[in-house]
């Protein structure tokens, strides 16, 4: 069974965006494995609480992630 797990900062993706991740990921697996993979592809989109992750030893917040690169 193909499986993908996406973790995103809580409250940064809309329900529609999560649906797009699920649909597009499933379509990608189908493209690779064939139509037989559609029925068994599991895509999990998990919300991580604010401050629950970091990069390079720095704890990130949703506000930092949502800032434009110019800020």
PDB file of N, CA and C in Angstrom:
ATOM      1  N   UNK A   1       0.841  -1.163   0.000  1.00  0.00           N
ATOM      2  CA  UNK A   1       0.000   0.000   0.000  1.00  0.00           C
ATOM      3  C   UNK A   1       0.899   1.243   0.000  1.00  0.00           C
ATOM      4  N   UNK A   2       0.760   2.113  -0.990  1.00  0.00           N
ATOM      5  CA  UNK A   2       1.503   3.375  -0.968  1.00  0.00           C
ATOM      6  C   UNK A   2       1.028   4.242   0.201  1.00  0.00           C
ATOM      7  N   UNK A   3       1.977   4.925   0.824  1.00  0.00           N
ATOM      8  CA  UNK A   3       1.676   5.729   2.008  1.00  0.00           C
ATOM      9  C   UNK A   3       2.500   7.012   1.975  1.00  0.00           C
ATOM     10  N   UNK A   4       1.869   8.143   2.247  1.00  0.00           N
ATOM     11  CA  UNK A   4       2.568   9.423   2.352  1.00  0.00           C
ATOM     12  C   UNK A   4       2.061  10.139   3.595  1.00  0.00           C
ATOM     13  N   UNK A   5       2.975  10.767   4.328  1.00  0.00           N
ATOM     14  CA  UNK A   5       2.622  11.481   5.545  1.00  0.00           C
ATOM     15  C   UNK A   5       3.158  12.903   5.446  1.00  0.00           C
ATOM     16  N   UNK A   6       2.258  13.872   5.412  1.00  0.00           N
ATOM     17  CA  UNK A   6       2.621  15.287   5.359  1.00  0.00           C
ATOM     18  C   UNK A   6       2.341  15.910   6.720  1.00  0.00           C
ATOM     19  N   UNK A   7       3.295  16.644   7.228  1.00  0.00           N
ATOM     20  CA  UNK A   7       3.111  17.363   8.488  1.00  0.00           C
ATOM     21  C   UNK A   7       3.186  18.852   8.166  1.00  0.00           C
ATOM     22  N   UNK A   8       2.193  19.587   8.661  1.00  0.00           N
ATOM     23  CA  UNK A   8       2.159  21.017   8.397  1.00  0.00           C
ATOM     24  C   UNK A   8       1.876  21.761   9.702  1.00  0.00           C
ATOM     25  N   UNK A   9       2.296  23.029   9.779  1.00  0.00           N
ATOM     26  CA  UNK A   9       1.990  23.798  10.979  1.00  0.00           C
ATOM     27  C   UNK A   9       0.473  23.946  11.127  1.00  0.00           C
ATOM     28  N   UNK A  10      -0.023  23.717  12.316  1.00  0.00           N
ATOM     29  CA  UNK A  10      -1.459  23.807  12.572  1.00  0.00           C
ATOM     30  C   UNK A  10      -2.007  25.152  12.127  1.00  0.00           C
ATOM     31  N   UNK A  11      -3.169  25.099  11.509  1.00  0.00           N
ATOM     32  CA  UNK A  11      -3.912  26.293  11.086  1.00  0.00           C
ATOM     33  C   UNK A  11      -3.237  27.093   9.974  1.00  0.00           C
ATOM     34  N   UNK A  12      -2.383  26.442   9.183  1.00  0.00           N
ATOM     35  CA  UNK A  12      -1.763  27.150   8.055  1.00  0.00           C
ATOM     36  C   UNK A  12      -2.303  26.689   6.709  1.00  0.00           C
ATOM     37  N   UNK A  13      -2.984  25.550   6.673  1.00  0.00           N
ATOM     38  CA  UNK A  13      -3.590  25.057   5.441  1.00  0.00           C
ATOM     39  C   UNK A  13      -5.097  25.003   5.596  1.00  0.00           C
ATOM     40  N   UNK A  14      -5.795  25.372   4.544  1.00  0.00           N
ATOM     41  CA  UNK A  14      -7.252  25.249   4.553  1.00  0.00           C
ATOM     42  C   UNK A  14      -7.636  23.794   4.287  1.00  0.00           C
ATOM     43  N   UNK A  15      -8.883  23.491   4.545  1.00  0.00           N
ATOM     44  CA  UNK A  15      -9.372  22.142   4.241  1.00  0.00           C
ATOM     45  C   UNK A  15      -9.199  21.847   2.753  1.00  0.00           C
ATOM     46  N   UNK A  16      -9.454  22.824   1.909  1.00  0.00           N
ATOM     47  CA  UNK A  16      -9.301  22.659   0.459  1.00  0.00           C
ATOM     48  C   UNK A  16      -7.853  22.340   0.105  1.00  0.00           C
ATOM     49  N   UNK A  17      -6.901  23.011   0.726  1.00  0.00           N
ATOM     50  CA  UNK A  17      -5.486  22.745   0.449  1.00  0.00           C
ATOM     51  C   UNK A  17      -5.093  21.332   0.892  1.00  0.00           C
ATOM     52  N   UNK A  18      -5.623  20.895   2.008  1.00  0.00           N
ATOM     53  CA  UNK A  18      -5.354  19.525   2.456  1.00  0.00           C
ATOM     54  C   UNK A  18      -5.935  18.514   1.472  1.00  0.00           C
ATOM     55  N   UNK A  19      -7.126  18.797   0.975  1.00  0.00           N
ATOM     56  CA  UNK A  19      -7.738  17.915  -0.025  1.00  0.00           C
ATOM     57  C   UNK A  19      -6.883  17.857  -1.291  1.00  0.00           C
ATOM     58  N   UNK A  20      -6.308  18.992  -1.676  1.00  0.00           N
ATOM     59  CA  UNK A  20      -5.441  19.014  -2.862  1.00  0.00           C
ATOM     60  C   UNK A  20      -4.194  18.170  -2.633  1.00  0.00           C
ATOM     61  N   UNK A  21      -3.608  18.248  -1.453  1.00  0.00           N
ATOM     62  CA  UNK A  21      -2.443  17.422  -1.147  1.00  0.00           C
ATOM     63  C   UNK A  21      -2.802  15.948  -1.276  1.00  0.00           C
ATOM     64  N   UNK A  22      -3.935  15.563  -0.717  1.00  0.00           N
ATOM     65  CA  UNK A  22      -4.364  14.162  -0.760  1.00  0.00           C
ATOM     66  C   UNK A  22      -4.629  13.712  -2.200  1.00  0.00           C
ATOM     67  N   UNK A  23      -5.360  14.524  -2.941  1.00  0.00           N
ATOM     68  CA  UNK A  23      -5.705  14.171  -4.319  1.00  0.00           C
ATOM     69  C   UNK A  23      -4.467  14.093  -5.209  1.00  0.00           C
ATOM     70  N   UNK A  24      -3.612  15.095  -5.131  1.00  0.00           N
ATOM     71  CA  UNK A  24      -2.425  15.123  -6.002  1.00  0.00           C
ATOM     72  C   UNK A  24      -1.423  14.022  -5.644  1.00  0.00           C
ATOM     73  N   UNK A  25      -1.288  13.742  -4.346  1.00  0.00           N
ATOM     74  CA  UNK A  25      -0.381  12.674  -3.941  1.00  0.00           C
ATOM     75  C   UNK A  25      -0.905  11.327  -4.419  1.00  0.00           C
ATOM     76  N   UNK A  26      -2.205  11.107  -4.275  1.00  0.00           N
ATOM     77  CA  UNK A  26      -2.804   9.866  -4.770  1.00  0.00           C
ATOM     78  C   UNK A  26      -2.604   9.747  -6.278  1.00  0.00           C
ATOM     79  N   UNK A  27      -2.835  10.831  -6.999  1.00  0.00           N
ATOM     80  CA  UNK A  27      -2.638  10.813  -8.457  1.00  0.00           C
ATOM     81  C   UNK A  27      -1.195  10.506  -8.824  1.00  0.00           C
ATOM     82  N   UNK A  28      -0.241  11.019  -8.049  1.00  0.00           N
ATOM     83  CA  UNK A  28       1.175  10.736  -8.315  1.00  0.00           C
ATOM     84  C   UNK A  28       1.472   9.246  -8.142  1.00  0.00           C
ATOM     85  N   UNK A  29       0.974   8.656  -7.058  1.00  0.00           N
ATOM     86  CA  UNK A  29       1.180   7.220  -6.859  1.00  0.00           C
ATOM     87  C   UNK A  29       0.528   6.411  -7.980  1.00  0.00           C
ATOM     88  N   UNK A  30      -0.649   6.828  -8.410  1.00  0.00           N
ATOM     89  CA  UNK A  30      -1.325   6.135  -9.514  1.00  0.00           C
ATOM     90  C   UNK A  30      -0.492   6.249 -10.799  1.00  0.00           C
ATOM     91  N   UNK A  31       0.092   7.410 -11.022  1.00  0.00           N
ATOM     92  CA  UNK A  31       0.944   7.607 -12.202  1.00  0.00           C
ATOM     93  C   UNK A  31       2.132   6.645 -12.173  1.00  0.00           C
ATOM     94  N   UNK A  32       2.661   6.417 -10.994  1.00  0.00           N
ATOM     95  CA  UNK A  32       3.840   5.553 -10.860  1.00  0.00           C
ATOM     96  C   UNK A  32       3.468   4.075 -10.843  1.00  0.00           C
ATOM     97  N   UNK A  33       2.468   3.702 -10.042  1.00  0.00           N
ATOM     98  CA  UNK A  33       2.129   2.294  -9.831  1.00  0.00           C
ATOM     99  C   UNK A  33       0.974   1.786 -10.683  1.00  0.00           C
ATOM    100  N   UNK A  34       0.238   2.693 -11.294  1.00  0.00           N
ATOM    101  CA  UNK A  34      -0.925   2.292 -12.064  1.00  0.00           C
ATOM    102  C   UNK A  34      -2.199   2.457 -11.257  1.00  0.00           C
ATOM    103  N   UNK A  35      -3.304   2.381 -11.945  1.00  0.00           N
ATOM    104  CA  UNK A  35      -4.619   2.632 -11.344  1.00  0.00           C
ATOM    105  C   UNK A  35      -4.909   1.724 -10.150  1.00  0.00           C
ATOM    106  N   UNK A  36      -4.309   0.557 -10.127  1.00  0.00           N
ATOM    107  CA  UNK A  36      -4.562  -0.377  -9.023  1.00  0.00           C
ATOM    108  C   UNK A  36      -4.169   0.219  -7.661  1.00  0.00           C
ATOM    109  N   UNK A  37      -3.289   1.236  -7.663  1.00  0.00           N
ATOM    110  CA  UNK A  37      -2.824   1.836  -6.408  1.00  0.00           C
ATOM    111  C   UNK A  37      -3.835   2.799  -5.801  1.00  0.00           C
ATOM    112  N   UNK A  38      -4.768   3.301  -6.600  1.00  0.00           N
ATOM    113  CA  UNK A  38      -5.692   4.322  -6.093  1.00  0.00           C
ATOM    114  C   UNK A  38      -6.460   3.858  -4.845  1.00  0.00           C
ATOM    115  N   UNK A  39      -6.973   2.665  -4.887  1.00  0.00           N
ATOM    116  CA  UNK A  39      -7.826   2.179  -3.796  1.00  0.00           C
ATOM    117  C   UNK A  39      -7.062   1.924  -2.500  1.00  0.00           C
ATOM    118  N   UNK A  40      -5.752   1.772  -2.587  1.00  0.00           N
ATOM    119  CA  UNK A  40      -4.985   1.443  -1.382  1.00  0.00           C
ATOM    120  C   UNK A  40      -4.008   2.537  -0.958  1.00  0.00           C
ATOM    121  N   UNK A  41      -3.999   3.652  -1.652  1.00  0.00           N
ATOM    122  CA  UNK A  41      -3.079   4.733  -1.304  1.00  0.00           C
ATOM    123  C   UNK A  41      -3.588   5.476  -0.073  1.00  0.00           C
ATOM    124  N   UNK A  42      -2.733   5.573   0.941  1.00  0.00           N
ATOM    125  CA  UNK A  42      -3.066   6.263   2.172  1.00  0.00           C
ATOM    126  C   UNK A  42      -2.249   7.546   2.239  1.00  0.00           C
ATOM    127  N   UNK A  43      -2.916   8.679   2.363  1.00  0.00           N
ATOM    128  CA  UNK A  43      -2.254   9.973   2.509  1.00  0.00           C
ATOM    129  C   UNK A  43      -2.736  10.579   3.813  1.00  0.00           C
ATOM    130  N   UNK A  44      -1.787  10.913   4.668  1.00  0.00           N
ATOM    131  CA  UNK A  44      -2.109  11.465   5.971  1.00  0.00           C
ATOM    132  C   UNK A  44      -1.553  12.886   6.043  1.00  0.00           C
ATOM    133  N   UNK A  45      -2.411  13.858   6.352  1.00  0.00           N
ATOM    134  CA  UNK A  45      -1.991  15.246   6.532  1.00  0.00           C
ATOM    135  C   UNK A  45      -2.175  15.563   8.010  1.00  0.00           C
ATOM    136  N   UNK A  46      -1.065  15.795   8.698  1.00  0.00           N
ATOM    137  CA  UNK A  46      -1.098  16.021  10.137  1.00  0.00           C
ATOM    138  C   UNK A  46      -0.758  17.472  10.470  1.00  0.00           C
ATOM    139  N   UNK A  47      -1.545  18.067  11.343  1.00  0.00           N
ATOM    140  CA  UNK A  47      -1.260  19.405  11.840  1.00  0.00           C
ATOM    141  C   UNK A  47      -0.346  19.299  13.058  1.00  0.00           C
ATOM    142  N   UNK A  48       0.761  20.013  13.012  1.00  0.00           N
ATOM    143  CA  UNK A  48       1.698  20.046  14.130  1.00  0.00           C
ATOM    144  C   UNK A  48       1.421  21.320  14.934  1.00  0.00           C
ATOM    145  N   UNK A  49       1.260  21.205  16.256  1.00  0.00           N
ATOM    146  CA  UNK A  49       0.979  22.395  17.068  1.00  0.00           C
ATOM    147  C   UNK A  49       2.063  23.461  16.906  1.00  0.00           C
ATOM    148  N   UNK A  50       1.668  24.709  17.051  1.00  0.00           N
ATOM    149  CA  UNK A  50       2.590  25.825  16.917  1.00  0.00           C
ATOM    150  C   UNK A  50       3.790  25.646  17.846  1.00  0.00           C
ATOM    151  N   UNK A  51       4.972  25.831  17.302  1.00  0.00           N
ATOM    152  CA  UNK A  51       6.193  25.659  18.075  1.00  0.00           C
ATOM    153  C   UNK A  51       6.613  24.217  18.229  1.00  0.00           C
ATOM    154  N   UNK A  52       5.926  23.288  17.561  1.00  0.00           N
ATOM    155  CA  UNK A  52       6.206  21.863  17.693  1.00  0.00           C
ATOM    156  C   UNK A  52       7.226  21.332  16.708  1.00  0.00           C
ATOM    157  N   UNK A  53       7.916  22.226  16.013  1.00  0.00           N
ATOM    158  CA  UNK A  53       8.955  21.762  15.096  1.00  0.00           C
ATOM    159  C   UNK A  53       9.955  22.876  14.850  1.00  0.00           C
ATOM    160  N   UNK A  54      11.077  22.510  14.278  1.00  0.00           N
ATOM    161  CA  UNK A  54      12.107  23.504  14.026  1.00  0.00           C
ATOM    162  C   UNK A  54      13.078  23.035  12.963  1.00  0.00           C
ATOM    163  N   UNK A  55      13.938  23.947  12.575  1.00  0.00           N
ATOM    164  CA  UNK A  55      14.970  23.664  11.586  1.00  0.00           C
ATOM    165  C   UNK A  55      16.281  24.221  12.114  1.00  0.00           C
ATOM    166  N   UNK A  56      17.324  23.434  12.026  1.00  0.00           N
ATOM    167  CA  UNK A  56      18.642  23.895  12.443  1.00  0.00           C
ATOM    168  C   UNK A  56      18.717  24.292  13.906  1.00  0.00           C
ATOM    169  N   UNK A  57      17.942  23.636  14.759  1.00  0.00           N
ATOM    170  CA  UNK A  57      17.957  23.933  16.177  1.00  0.00           C
ATOM    171  C   UNK A  57      17.103  25.124  16.581  1.00  0.00           C
ATOM    172  N   UNK A  58      16.409  25.726  15.612  1.00  0.00           N
ATOM    173  CA  UNK A  58      15.550  26.871  15.881  1.00  0.00           C
ATOM    174  C   UNK A  58      14.096  26.434  15.844  1.00  0.00           C
ATOM    175  N   UNK A  59      13.361  26.668  16.931  1.00  0.00           N
ATOM    176  CA  UNK A  59      11.942  26.335  16.988  1.00  0.00           C
ATOM    177  C   UNK A  59      11.183  27.346  16.130  1.00  0.00           C
ATOM    178  N   UNK A  60      10.375  26.831  15.208  1.00  0.00           N
ATOM    179  CA  UNK A  60       9.602  27.688  14.312  1.00  0.00           C
ATOM    180  C   UNK A  60       8.174  27.851  14.811  1.00  0.00           C
ATOM    181  N   UNK A  61       7.628  29.015  14.561  1.00  0.00           N
ATOM    182  CA  UNK A  61       6.225  29.261  14.858  1.00  0.00           C
ATOM    183  C   UNK A  61       5.488  29.453  13.537  1.00  0.00           C
ATOM    184  N   UNK A  62       4.182  29.338  13.570  1.00  0.00           N
ATOM    185  CA  UNK A  62       3.378  29.539  12.356  1.00  0.00           C
ATOM    186  C   UNK A  62       3.574  30.940  11.816  1.00  0.00           C
ATOM    187  N   UNK A  63       3.705  31.913  12.693  1.00  0.00           N
ATOM    188  CA  UNK A  63       3.906  33.307  12.241  1.00  0.00           C
ATOM    189  C   UNK A  63       5.192  33.435  11.423  1.00  0.00           C
ATOM    190  N   UNK A  64       6.251  32.776  11.852  1.00  0.00           N
ATOM    191  CA  UNK A  64       7.513  32.825  11.103  1.00  0.00           C
ATOM    192  C   UNK A  64       7.391  32.142   9.749  1.00  0.00           C
ATOM    193  N   UNK A  65       6.714  31.005   9.744  1.00  0.00           N
ATOM    194  CA  UNK A  65       6.576  30.238   8.507  1.00  0.00           C
ATOM    195  C   UNK A  65       5.747  31.000   7.488  1.00  0.00           C
ATOM    196  N   UNK A  66       4.745  31.731   7.947  1.00  0.00           N
ATOM    197  CA  UNK A  66       3.840  32.436   7.039  1.00  0.00           C
ATOM    198  C   UNK A  66       4.384  33.780   6.583  1.00  0.00           C
ATOM    199  N   UNK A  67       5.494  34.219   7.137  1.00  0.00           N
ATOM    200  CA  UNK A  67       6.085  35.476   6.711  1.00  0.00           C
ATOM    201  C   UNK A  67       6.589  35.344   5.289  1.00  0.00           C
ATOM    202  N   UNK A  68       6.502  36.432   4.538  1.00  0.00           N
ATOM    203  CA  UNK A  68       7.059  36.415   3.191  1.00  0.00           C
ATOM    204  C   UNK A  68       8.573  36.447   3.297  1.00  0.00           C
ATOM    205  N   UNK A  69       9.281  35.939   2.294  1.00  0.00           N
ATOM    206  CA  UNK A  69      10.748  35.914   2.328  1.00  0.00           C
ATOM    207  C   UNK A  69      11.357  37.314   2.432  1.00  0.00           C
ATOM    208  N   UNK A  70      10.608  38.349   2.079  1.00  0.00           N
ATOM    209  CA  UNK A  70      11.122  39.720   2.130  1.00  0.00           C
ATOM    210  C   UNK A  70      11.168  40.282   3.540  1.00  0.00           C
ATOM    211  N   UNK A  71      10.457  39.653   4.493  1.00  0.00           N
ATOM    212  CA  UNK A  71      10.396  40.183   5.869  1.00  0.00           C
ATOM    213  C   UNK A  71      11.608  39.764   6.667  1.00  0.00           C
TER     214      UNK A  71
END
